[in-house]
Amino acid sequence: MSNAELIAEAGKIVDVAGKDAPLTVRGLTVSYGNKPAVFSIDASIPAGSMTAIIGPNGAGKSTFLKGTLGVVPRLSGEVRIFGKPFAEARDRVAYVPQRASVDWDFPARVIDVVLMGLYKSVGLFRFWRSRHREQAMECLERVGMADFSTRQIGQLSGGQQQRVFLARALAQNAEFYLLDEPFAGVDAATERAIVAVLKDLKAEGRTVVCVHHDLSTVAEYFDRVLLINVRRIAEGPVDTTFTAANLQETYGGRLATTHIDELRLA
């Protein structure tokens, strides 16, 4: 593709979501050593959408998310959050990392973890007030964890820990939520609870992006998909983008044709 064609294609992507979209990415490349984890990815996430980032293991899904937030350094590319560099829009973003990346031995109670999400309204080196604790409890109630507020975070099950970290994100009262594998290793009840909260956020006009593995629930949970395998394969509404052809290109021989046939595809 020529440079002129690349510029035109990038312009089309911007038009889909608008210049002040929650997330606009151009040419994102992140490399670990000499091997790119993601290579020259473009993406644009419209406001008020729920997007699943899907692809095979090792495709760079989590790296893409971390690269957009600057959690890992970018080799190249431009990222805009609501039309601004992340540093200027970080207060509008909430990030829920992979549960496996968290030190669960840290001696903190559930309520303390959620209160960390209120740093914007409290500020550093200030005391929590009763209204802040009430806000934190409301967030815990929303994810079904209010009864565990005084429990040590390390004493919870994996699904309970995931709910608490979602409650912390809710406490941030963000406009844009990014979650890295929120359903990994959780029980069915926790997955339903998390999905319900995320759909409520979407109904409120907020934007949600999740790294997701279970292809059988994509059409049920999300309205948009971004398929990647180191590079961007396809992006768009589930109805037109979550197709057998795009899945086959994304997964190749790793996804059996019989499994594709069982999915709810466009």
Protein backbone atom coordinates (compact mmCIF):
# COMPACT_ATOMS: atom_id res chain seq x y z
CA MET A 1 0.00 0.00 0.00
CA SER A 2 1.38 3.44 -0.92
CA ASN A 3 1.88 6.27 1.58
CA ALA A 4 -1.09 8.12 0.10
CA GLU A 5 -3.28 5.04 0.56
CA LEU A 6 -2.09 4.61 4.14
CA ILE A 7 -2.94 8.23 4.94
CA ALA A 8 -6.38 7.85 3.35
CA GLU A 9 -7.04 4.67 5.33
CA ALA A 10 -6.01 6.36 8.57
CA GLY A 11 -8.39 9.20 7.76
CA LYS A 12 -11.24 6.74 7.36
CA ILE A 13 -10.54 5.28 10.79
CA VAL A 14 -10.56 8.74 12.39
CA ASP A 15 -13.90 9.49 10.76
CA VAL A 16 -15.49 6.42 12.34
CA ALA A 17 -14.97 7.62 15.89
CA GLY A 18 -14.30 11.32 15.56
CA LYS A 19 -11.23 13.38 16.44
CA ASP A 20 -12.09 13.32 20.15
CA ALA A 21 -12.76 9.58 20.33
CA PRO A 22 -11.92 7.87 23.64
CA LEU A 23 -9.04 6.10 21.90
CA THR A 24 -7.30 6.77 18.61
CA VAL A 25 -4.13 4.83 17.79
CA ARG A 26 -1.88 5.28 14.77
CA GLY A 27 0.99 2.96 13.90
CA LEU A 28 1.50 1.56 17.42
CA THR A 29 4.55 -0.69 17.62
CA VAL A 30 5.85 -2.25 20.82
CA SER A 31 8.87 -4.54 20.80
CA TYR A 32 10.32 -6.90 23.38
CA GLY A 33 13.92 -7.30 22.32
CA ASN A 34 14.17 -7.69 18.56
CA LYS A 35 10.67 -9.10 18.11
CA PRO A 36 7.64 -6.80 17.77
CA ALA A 37 4.79 -7.74 20.12
CA VAL A 38 2.47 -5.46 18.17
CA PHE A 39 3.36 -3.90 14.85
CA SER A 40 2.03 -0.69 13.33
CA ILE A 41 -1.53 -1.04 14.66
CA ASP A 42 -4.22 1.51 13.91
CA ALA A 43 -7.44 1.57 15.91
CA SER A 44 -10.20 3.95 16.87
CA ILE A 45 -12.77 3.34 19.60
CA PRO A 46 -16.05 5.29 19.42
CA ALA A 47 -17.62 6.77 22.53
CA GLY A 48 -20.30 4.71 24.27
CA SER A 49 -19.16 1.39 22.80
CA MET A 50 -18.07 -1.96 24.27
CA THR A 51 -15.13 -3.39 22.35
CA ALA A 52 -13.49 -6.80 22.67
CA ILE A 53 -9.83 -7.14 21.71
CA ILE A 54 -9.46 -10.71 20.51
CA GLY A 55 -6.74 -12.83 19.02
CA PRO A 56 -4.66 -15.95 19.78
CA ASN A 57 -2.26 -16.29 22.70
CA GLY A 58 0.84 -14.23 22.06
CA ALA A 59 -0.97 -11.96 19.60
CA GLY A 60 -0.13 -8.82 21.58
CA LYS A 61 -3.59 -8.04 22.99
CA SER A 62 -2.42 -7.08 26.47
CA THR A 63 0.65 -5.37 25.04
CA PHE A 64 -1.57 -3.26 22.81
CA LEU A 65 -3.57 -2.14 25.84
CA LYS A 66 -0.44 -1.39 27.87
CA GLY A 67 1.15 0.40 24.94
CA THR A 68 -1.79 2.76 24.58
CA LEU A 69 -1.50 3.70 28.26
CA GLY A 70 2.28 3.95 28.32
CA VAL A 71 2.58 1.06 30.78
CA VAL A 72 5.15 -0.37 28.36
CA PRO A 73 7.27 1.89 26.14
CA ARG A 74 6.24 2.36 22.53
CA LEU A 75 8.79 1.88 19.79
CA SER A 76 6.69 4.06 17.50
CA GLY A 77 3.17 5.30 17.00
CA GLU A 78 0.77 7.95 18.21
CA VAL A 79 -1.95 7.51 20.83
CA ARG A 80 -4.70 10.01 21.62
CA ILE A 81 -7.20 9.75 24.48
CA PHE A 82 -10.17 12.01 23.77
CA GLY A 83 -7.96 13.79 21.27
CA LYS A 84 -5.14 14.42 23.75
CA PRO A 85 -1.93 12.70 24.87
CA PHE A 86 -2.59 10.25 27.68
CA ALA A 87 -0.80 12.46 30.24
CA GLU A 88 -3.40 15.18 29.63
CA ALA A 89 -6.41 12.84 29.79
CA ARG A 90 -5.44 10.25 32.41
CA ASP A 91 -8.15 11.46 34.80
CA ARG A 92 -10.77 10.31 32.28
CA VAL A 93 -9.39 6.75 32.10
CA ALA A 94 -9.66 3.74 34.44
CA TYR A 95 -7.50 0.65 33.90
CA VAL A 96 -8.04 -2.82 35.36
CA PRO A 97 -4.85 -4.90 34.89
CA GLN A 98 -4.59 -8.65 34.62
CA ARG A 99 -5.17 -10.24 38.00
CA ALA A 100 -1.96 -12.25 37.61
CA SER A 101 0.08 -9.03 37.49
CA VAL A 102 -1.03 -7.85 40.95
CA ASP A 103 0.83 -8.53 44.21
CA TRP A 104 -1.98 -10.01 46.28
CA ASP A 105 0.28 -10.34 49.34
CA PHE A 106 0.20 -6.58 49.79
CA PRO A 107 -1.44 -5.99 53.22
CA ALA A 108 -4.51 -3.99 52.22
CA ARG A 109 -8.17 -4.38 53.03
CA VAL A 110 -10.81 -4.46 50.33
CA ILE A 111 -12.11 -1.00 51.28
CA ASP A 112 -8.57 0.43 51.11
CA VAL A 113 -8.07 -0.90 47.57
CA VAL A 114 -11.29 0.77 46.39
CA LEU A 115 -10.42 4.03 48.16
CA MET A 116 -7.28 4.17 46.00
CA GLY A 117 -9.61 4.88 43.08
CA LEU A 118 -10.67 8.13 44.72
CA TYR A 119 -7.23 9.73 44.66
CA LYS A 120 -8.46 12.39 42.21
CA SER A 121 -10.97 13.81 44.67
CA VAL A 122 -8.83 13.27 47.77
CA GLY A 123 -5.32 14.03 46.55
CA LEU A 124 -2.07 12.62 47.86
CA PHE A 125 -1.23 12.80 51.57
CA ARG A 126 -4.77 13.68 52.63
CA PHE A 127 -7.16 11.82 54.89
CA TRP A 128 -10.17 9.83 53.77
CA ARG A 129 -13.43 11.36 54.89
CA SER A 130 -16.72 9.61 55.61
CA ARG A 131 -18.11 10.59 52.21
CA HIS A 132 -15.17 8.90 50.51
CA ARG A 133 -15.82 5.69 52.42
CA GLU A 134 -19.49 5.90 51.48
CA GLN A 135 -18.52 6.24 47.82
CA ALA A 136 -16.20 3.25 48.08
CA MET A 137 -18.91 1.17 49.73
CA GLU A 138 -21.35 2.11 46.96
CA CYS A 139 -18.85 0.82 44.40
CA LEU A 140 -18.39 -2.40 46.35
CA GLU A 141 -22.15 -2.79 46.56
CA ARG A 142 -22.36 -2.41 42.81
CA VAL A 143 -20.08 -5.41 42.28
CA GLY A 144 -21.56 -7.47 45.11
CA MET A 145 -18.60 -7.16 47.48
CA ALA A 146 -19.84 -4.81 50.21
CA ASP A 147 -19.87 -7.62 52.80
CA PHE A 148 -16.13 -8.16 52.26
CA SER A 149 -15.01 -4.54 52.81
CA THR A 150 -12.79 -5.31 55.83
CA ARG A 151 -11.32 -8.53 54.44
CA GLN A 152 -7.66 -8.62 53.43
CA ILE A 153 -7.47 -8.56 49.63
CA GLY A 154 -5.16 -11.60 49.58
CA GLN A 155 -7.78 -13.70 51.38
CA LEU A 156 -10.29 -13.42 48.56
CA SER A 157 -10.87 -15.83 45.69
CA GLY A 158 -9.74 -14.87 42.22
CA GLY A 159 -13.22 -13.84 41.15
CA GLN A 160 -13.70 -11.74 44.28
CA GLN A 161 -10.38 -9.99 43.72
CA GLN A 162 -11.42 -9.16 40.17
CA ARG A 163 -14.66 -7.64 41.44
CA VAL A 164 -12.74 -5.49 43.92
CA PHE A 165 -10.46 -4.13 41.21
CA LEU A 166 -13.51 -3.34 39.10
CA ALA A 167 -14.96 -1.49 42.11
CA ARG A 168 -11.75 0.52 42.34
CA ALA A 169 -12.12 1.45 38.66
CA LEU A 170 -15.74 2.46 39.28
CA ALA A 171 -14.60 4.72 42.11
CA GLN A 172 -12.53 6.67 39.59
CA ASN A 173 -15.77 7.71 37.86
CA ALA A 174 -13.97 7.57 34.52
CA GLU A 175 -15.35 8.00 31.03
CA PHE A 176 -13.17 5.30 29.46
CA TYR A 177 -12.58 1.85 31.01
CA LEU A 178 -9.87 -0.54 29.82
CA LEU A 179 -9.82 -4.05 31.28
CA ASP A 180 -7.15 -6.66 30.62
CA GLU A 181 -8.75 -10.12 30.64
CA PRO A 182 -11.42 -9.34 33.26
CA PHE A 183 -13.03 -12.78 32.92
CA ALA A 184 -9.85 -14.87 33.17
CA GLY A 185 -10.05 -17.42 35.96
CA VAL A 186 -13.35 -16.23 37.40
CA ASP A 187 -16.47 -18.27 38.09
CA ALA A 188 -19.67 -17.96 36.07
CA ALA A 189 -21.43 -15.82 38.70
CA THR A 190 -18.55 -13.34 38.77
CA GLU A 191 -18.46 -13.17 34.99
CA ARG A 192 -22.18 -12.37 34.87
CA ALA A 193 -21.75 -9.73 37.57
CA ILE A 194 -18.87 -8.06 35.74
CA VAL A 195 -20.70 -8.10 32.40
CA ALA A 196 -23.76 -6.50 34.02
CA VAL A 197 -21.65 -3.67 35.45
CA LEU A 198 -19.88 -3.09 32.14
CA LYS A 199 -23.17 -2.97 30.26
CA ASP A 200 -24.46 -0.46 32.82
CA LEU A 201 -21.41 1.70 32.14
CA LYS A 202 -22.13 1.55 28.42
CA ALA A 203 -25.77 2.50 29.06
CA GLU A 204 -24.47 5.55 30.94
CA GLY A 205 -22.58 6.61 27.82
CA ARG A 206 -19.16 5.45 28.99
CA THR A 207 -16.75 3.48 26.81
CA VAL A 208 -15.41 0.01 27.60
CA VAL A 209 -12.55 -1.97 26.03
CA CYS A 210 -11.69 -5.51 27.19
CA VAL A 211 -9.05 -8.01 26.23
CA HIS A 212 -11.22 -11.09 25.80
CA HIS A 213 -10.61 -14.79 25.09
CA ASP A 214 -13.98 -16.52 24.95
CA LEU A 215 -15.15 -16.23 21.35
CA SER A 216 -18.51 -17.81 22.19
CA THR A 217 -19.56 -14.76 24.25
CA VAL A 218 -18.28 -11.97 22.00
CA ALA A 219 -21.61 -11.38 20.24
CA GLU A 220 -23.49 -11.47 23.54
CA TYR A 221 -21.21 -9.13 25.51
CA PHE A 222 -19.83 -6.65 22.98
CA ASP A 223 -20.93 -4.43 20.12
CA ARG A 224 -17.48 -3.94 18.55
CA VAL A 225 -14.35 -6.04 18.05
CA LEU A 226 -10.70 -5.40 17.34
CA LEU A 227 -8.99 -8.52 15.99
CA ILE A 228 -5.21 -8.54 16.20
CA ASN A 229 -2.38 -10.96 15.70
CA VAL A 230 0.69 -8.77 16.15
CA ARG A 231 -0.84 -6.55 13.46
CA ARG A 232 -4.39 -5.30 13.12
CA ILE A 233 -6.56 -7.77 11.23
CA ALA A 234 -9.96 -6.06 11.42
CA GLU A 235 -11.96 -3.62 13.53
CA GLY A 236 -15.62 -2.65 13.59
CA PRO A 237 -19.12 -3.60 14.71
CA VAL A 238 -19.63 -7.21 15.76
CA ASP A 239 -22.34 -7.66 13.12
CA THR A 240 -19.97 -6.95 10.25
CA THR A 241 -16.51 -7.71 11.66
CA PHE A 242 -16.84 -10.83 13.82
CA THR A 243 -16.89 -13.08 10.78
CA ALA A 244 -15.53 -16.51 9.92
CA ALA A 245 -13.15 -14.98 7.38
CA ASN A 246 -11.69 -12.50 9.85
CA LEU A 247 -11.39 -15.15 12.56
CA GLN A 248 -9.62 -17.50 10.20
CA GLU A 249 -7.16 -14.77 9.24
CA THR A 250 -6.62 -13.86 12.90
CA TYR A 251 -6.20 -17.38 14.28
CA GLY A 252 -5.17 -19.32 11.19
CA GLY A 253 -4.76 -23.03 11.93
CA ARG A 254 -5.09 -22.43 15.69
CA LEU A 255 -8.87 -22.24 15.43
CA ALA A 256 -10.65 -25.27 14.03
CA THR A 257 -13.24 -24.64 11.32
CA THR A 258 -15.76 -26.68 13.31
CA HIS A 259 -15.33 -24.31 16.25
CA ILE A 260 -15.87 -21.28 14.01
CA ASP A 261 -19.09 -22.81 12.71
CA GLU A 262 -20.42 -23.06 16.29
CA LEU A 263 -20.01 -19.32 16.96
CA ARG A 264 -22.69 -16.68 16.48
CA LEU A 265 -21.14 -14.98 13.47
CA ALA A 266 -22.30 -12.31 11.12
